[in-house]
Amino acid sequence: MRPAPVATHHEDAAARIDSWWRLPSAAAADEAARAALAAMPRADGLLRFSVLRSPSEPLVFLQSLWTSAAAREHYVRHVAASPRASVDDKVPGIERDRALTEVIGAVTIADAPAAKWVTRRLPGTDVRALAERELARLRTEPGLVRVAAGAGEGEVVVVEEWAASASPDGVFYEPVGAVAPA
C-alpha cells in the first residue's frame, strides 16, 4: 500500500465501508487512526482507504472505497478481522459503528482542496431517491467542495467535503491519511 490523498470519492468506486469509531480519549483516537492506516492490508478491489479524525471529540471516521460490492463483501467476511484485531491490540476500548453502502453518486462543486469532512446518516425507505435529493440539495451550499452519497440498508450516508474557510454544522473530521494499492 502506498500513501494517497484523503478522498471520499473515486470514479471507479461502486461500494463503500463507512465506519465511525468513538474512543475514550483524544490520544487514543490519534493512536487508533494511525494504527488503522498501518493495519490496512492490500485487498482485491480496494481503491482507497481514508482515515479522518475529529479535532473536537475522540472520534475517527474511516472509509474504504471498493470496485464492487462483491470485493467489499469478500473483505468484510474474510479479511477484516485481522486488521481489526491488530488495531484492538494497540488501542482497546473502541466503540464501532459502520455502514456498508453502494455508491449513488458524487458532485464536485469547487475545484479546491477540502479541509473538513462531515458525515450524515439519513434513514429512509427509498434510499436511492433520498441520496439523489441530498446530492441535488447540497450543490449550492457555500463552502462545500464535494459531496458523495452512498445507500445502505434503510439509510443514506452523505459525506460532505468542505473548504478550510467553511464552518460546517456539527462534528467535522480532518484528514489523518490514506492508502491505496501501489
Protein backbone atom coordinates (compact mmCIF):
# COMPACT_ATOMS: atom_id res chain seq x y z
CA MET A 1 0.00 0.00 0.00
CA ARG A 2 1.22 3.50 -0.75
CA PRO A 3 0.24 6.82 0.81
CA ALA A 4 -2.53 8.61 -1.10
CA PRO A 5 -4.56 11.80 -0.70
CA VAL A 6 -7.62 11.54 1.53
CA ALA A 7 -10.68 11.33 -0.71
CA THR A 8 -14.20 10.11 -0.20
CA HIS A 9 -14.92 9.52 -3.87
CA HIS A 10 -13.24 7.63 -6.69
CA GLU A 11 -14.67 7.45 -10.18
CA ASP A 12 -14.29 3.66 -10.22
CA ALA A 13 -15.90 3.11 -6.80
CA ALA A 14 -19.14 1.13 -6.65
CA ALA A 15 -19.23 0.30 -2.93
CA ARG A 16 -18.01 1.74 0.40
CA ILE A 17 -17.46 0.86 4.02
CA ASP A 18 -18.14 3.92 6.18
CA SER A 19 -17.01 3.44 9.79
CA TRP A 20 -17.28 5.64 12.87
CA TRP A 21 -15.16 4.98 15.95
CA ARG A 22 -15.55 6.58 19.38
CA LEU A 23 -12.56 6.31 21.70
CA PRO A 24 -12.04 7.06 25.39
CA SER A 25 -9.64 9.98 24.77
CA ALA A 26 -8.12 12.22 22.11
CA ALA A 27 -4.78 10.43 22.50
CA ALA A 28 -6.48 7.06 21.94
CA ALA A 29 -8.25 8.45 18.85
CA ASP A 30 -4.93 9.63 17.41
CA GLU A 31 -3.33 6.26 18.09
CA ALA A 32 -6.31 4.34 16.63
CA ALA A 33 -6.22 6.46 13.46
CA ARG A 34 -2.51 5.75 12.94
CA ALA A 35 -2.97 2.05 13.77
CA ALA A 36 -5.84 1.71 11.27
CA LEU A 37 -3.72 3.17 8.46
CA ALA A 38 -0.83 0.87 9.30
CA ALA A 39 -3.03 -2.24 9.55
CA MET A 40 -4.97 -1.85 6.29
CA PRO A 41 -3.86 -4.68 4.00
CA ARG A 42 -3.83 -4.79 0.23
CA ALA A 43 -7.15 -6.34 -0.83
CA ASP A 44 -8.61 -7.20 -4.22
CA GLY A 45 -10.95 -4.42 -5.32
CA LEU A 46 -9.79 -1.83 -2.77
CA LEU A 47 -9.33 1.59 -4.37
CA ARG A 48 -8.57 3.75 -1.31
CA PHE A 49 -8.74 3.69 2.47
CA SER A 50 -9.04 7.11 4.15
CA VAL A 51 -8.84 7.94 7.85
CA LEU A 52 -10.10 11.20 9.36
CA ARG A 53 -10.17 12.45 12.95
CA SER A 54 -12.41 14.94 14.74
CA PRO A 55 -10.37 17.76 16.32
CA SER A 56 -13.10 18.41 18.91
CA GLU A 57 -14.08 14.89 20.06
CA PRO A 58 -12.35 11.48 20.32
CA LEU A 59 -13.92 10.32 17.05
CA VAL A 60 -12.42 8.72 13.95
CA PHE A 61 -14.12 8.30 10.57
CA LEU A 62 -12.77 5.64 8.22
CA GLN A 63 -13.85 4.97 4.68
CA SER A 64 -12.81 2.36 2.17
CA LEU A 65 -13.81 2.61 -1.49
CA TRP A 66 -14.27 -0.60 -3.48
CA THR A 67 -14.62 -1.52 -7.15
CA SER A 68 -17.64 -3.70 -6.37
CA ALA A 69 -19.94 -4.82 -3.60
CA ALA A 70 -18.57 -8.36 -4.09
CA ALA A 71 -14.99 -7.20 -3.41
CA ARG A 72 -16.15 -5.32 -0.32
CA GLU A 73 -18.11 -8.34 0.96
CA HIS A 74 -15.11 -10.59 0.47
CA TYR A 75 -13.01 -8.18 2.55
CA VAL A 76 -15.66 -7.96 5.30
CA ARG A 77 -16.12 -11.74 5.51
CA HIS A 78 -12.57 -12.98 5.00
CA VAL A 79 -10.01 -10.24 5.69
CA ALA A 80 -11.31 -7.52 8.04
CA ALA A 81 -10.91 -9.49 11.27
CA SER A 82 -7.11 -9.41 11.08
CA PRO A 83 -6.60 -5.62 10.75
CA ARG A 84 -9.34 -5.09 13.34
CA ALA A 85 -7.51 -7.33 15.83
CA SER A 86 -4.24 -5.52 15.11
CA VAL A 87 -5.84 -2.15 15.95
CA ASP A 88 -7.61 -3.57 19.03
CA ASP A 89 -4.29 -4.92 20.34
CA LYS A 90 -2.81 -1.41 20.18
CA VAL A 91 -5.91 0.58 21.20
CA PRO A 92 -8.53 -1.19 23.34
CA GLY A 93 -11.96 0.27 24.01
CA ILE A 94 -13.06 1.32 20.52
CA GLU A 95 -16.82 1.70 20.09
CA ARG A 96 -17.54 0.95 16.43
CA ASP A 97 -20.39 1.58 14.04
CA ARG A 98 -20.40 1.09 10.27
CA ALA A 99 -22.50 1.24 7.15
CA LEU A 100 -21.99 -0.84 4.02
CA THR A 101 -23.17 1.35 1.16
CA GLU A 102 -23.47 1.30 -2.59
CA VAL A 103 -22.18 4.44 -4.29
CA ILE A 104 -25.05 6.54 -5.65
CA GLY A 105 -23.01 9.49 -6.83
CA ALA A 106 -20.75 12.40 -6.07
CA VAL A 107 -20.80 16.04 -7.05
CA THR A 108 -17.76 18.30 -7.24
CA ILE A 109 -18.84 21.88 -6.56
CA ALA A 110 -15.46 23.62 -6.46
CA ASP A 111 -12.05 22.67 -7.77
CA ALA A 112 -10.37 23.24 -4.42
CA PRO A 113 -8.84 21.09 -1.69
CA ALA A 114 -11.08 20.00 1.15
CA ALA A 115 -10.00 20.56 4.74
CA LYS A 116 -13.04 19.41 6.74
CA TRP A 117 -15.34 16.42 6.29
CA VAL A 118 -18.85 16.00 7.70
CA THR A 119 -20.79 12.74 7.65
CA ARG A 120 -24.56 12.42 7.93
CA ARG A 121 -26.69 9.29 8.19
CA LEU A 122 -30.23 9.73 6.92
CA PRO A 123 -32.83 7.00 7.46
CA GLY A 124 -35.23 6.25 4.62
CA THR A 125 -37.05 3.62 2.64
CA ASP A 126 -36.37 4.85 -0.91
CA VAL A 127 -32.67 5.34 -0.28
CA ARG A 128 -31.69 5.95 -3.91
CA ALA A 129 -34.18 8.81 -4.26
CA LEU A 130 -33.13 10.23 -0.89
CA ALA A 131 -29.44 10.14 -1.90
CA GLU A 132 -30.17 11.86 -5.21
CA ARG A 133 -32.22 14.58 -3.43
CA GLU A 134 -29.37 15.21 -0.99
CA LEU A 135 -26.84 15.48 -3.81
CA ALA A 136 -29.07 17.97 -5.63
CA ARG A 137 -29.80 19.99 -2.46
CA LEU A 138 -26.16 20.31 -1.48
CA ARG A 139 -24.94 21.53 -4.90
CA THR A 140 -25.45 25.15 -3.85
CA GLU A 141 -24.00 25.10 -0.32
CA PRO A 142 -21.39 27.87 0.06
CA GLY A 143 -18.01 26.46 1.08
CA LEU A 144 -18.84 22.91 0.06
CA VAL A 145 -16.18 21.44 -2.22
CA ARG A 146 -17.54 17.95 -2.89
CA VAL A 147 -20.32 15.68 -1.69
CA ALA A 148 -20.69 11.90 -2.06
CA ALA A 149 -23.70 9.74 -1.22
CA GLY A 150 -23.99 6.03 -0.60
CA ALA A 151 -27.13 4.00 0.02
CA GLY A 152 -27.21 1.22 2.57
CA GLU A 153 -29.91 -0.87 4.15
CA GLY A 154 -32.54 1.66 5.22
CA GLU A 155 -30.18 4.65 5.21
CA VAL A 156 -28.15 7.05 3.14
CA VAL A 157 -24.65 8.10 4.19
CA VAL A 158 -23.65 11.53 2.91
CA VAL A 159 -20.03 12.64 3.13
CA GLU A 160 -19.51 16.36 2.67
CA GLU A 161 -16.05 17.82 1.93
CA TRP A 162 -15.68 21.49 2.98
CA ALA A 163 -13.13 24.20 2.25
CA ALA A 164 -10.85 25.36 5.08
CA SER A 165 -12.73 28.67 5.33
CA ALA A 166 -16.14 26.98 5.76
CA SER A 167 -17.88 26.42 9.08
CA PRO A 168 -19.97 23.27 8.66
CA ASP A 169 -22.59 22.44 11.28
CA GLY A 170 -21.88 19.71 13.80
CA VAL A 171 -18.88 17.47 14.27
CA PHE A 172 -16.38 17.53 11.45
CA TYR A 173 -13.30 15.47 10.67
CA GLU A 174 -9.85 16.41 9.42
CA PRO A 175 -7.63 14.13 7.34
CA VAL A 176 -5.10 11.85 9.04
CA GLY A 177 -4.05 9.96 5.93
CA ALA A 178 -4.98 7.49 3.25
CA VAL A 179 -3.52 4.48 1.48
CA ALA A 180 -4.17 2.93 -1.91
CA PRO A 181 -2.82 -0.11 -3.74
CA ALA A 182 0.53 0.54 -5.42
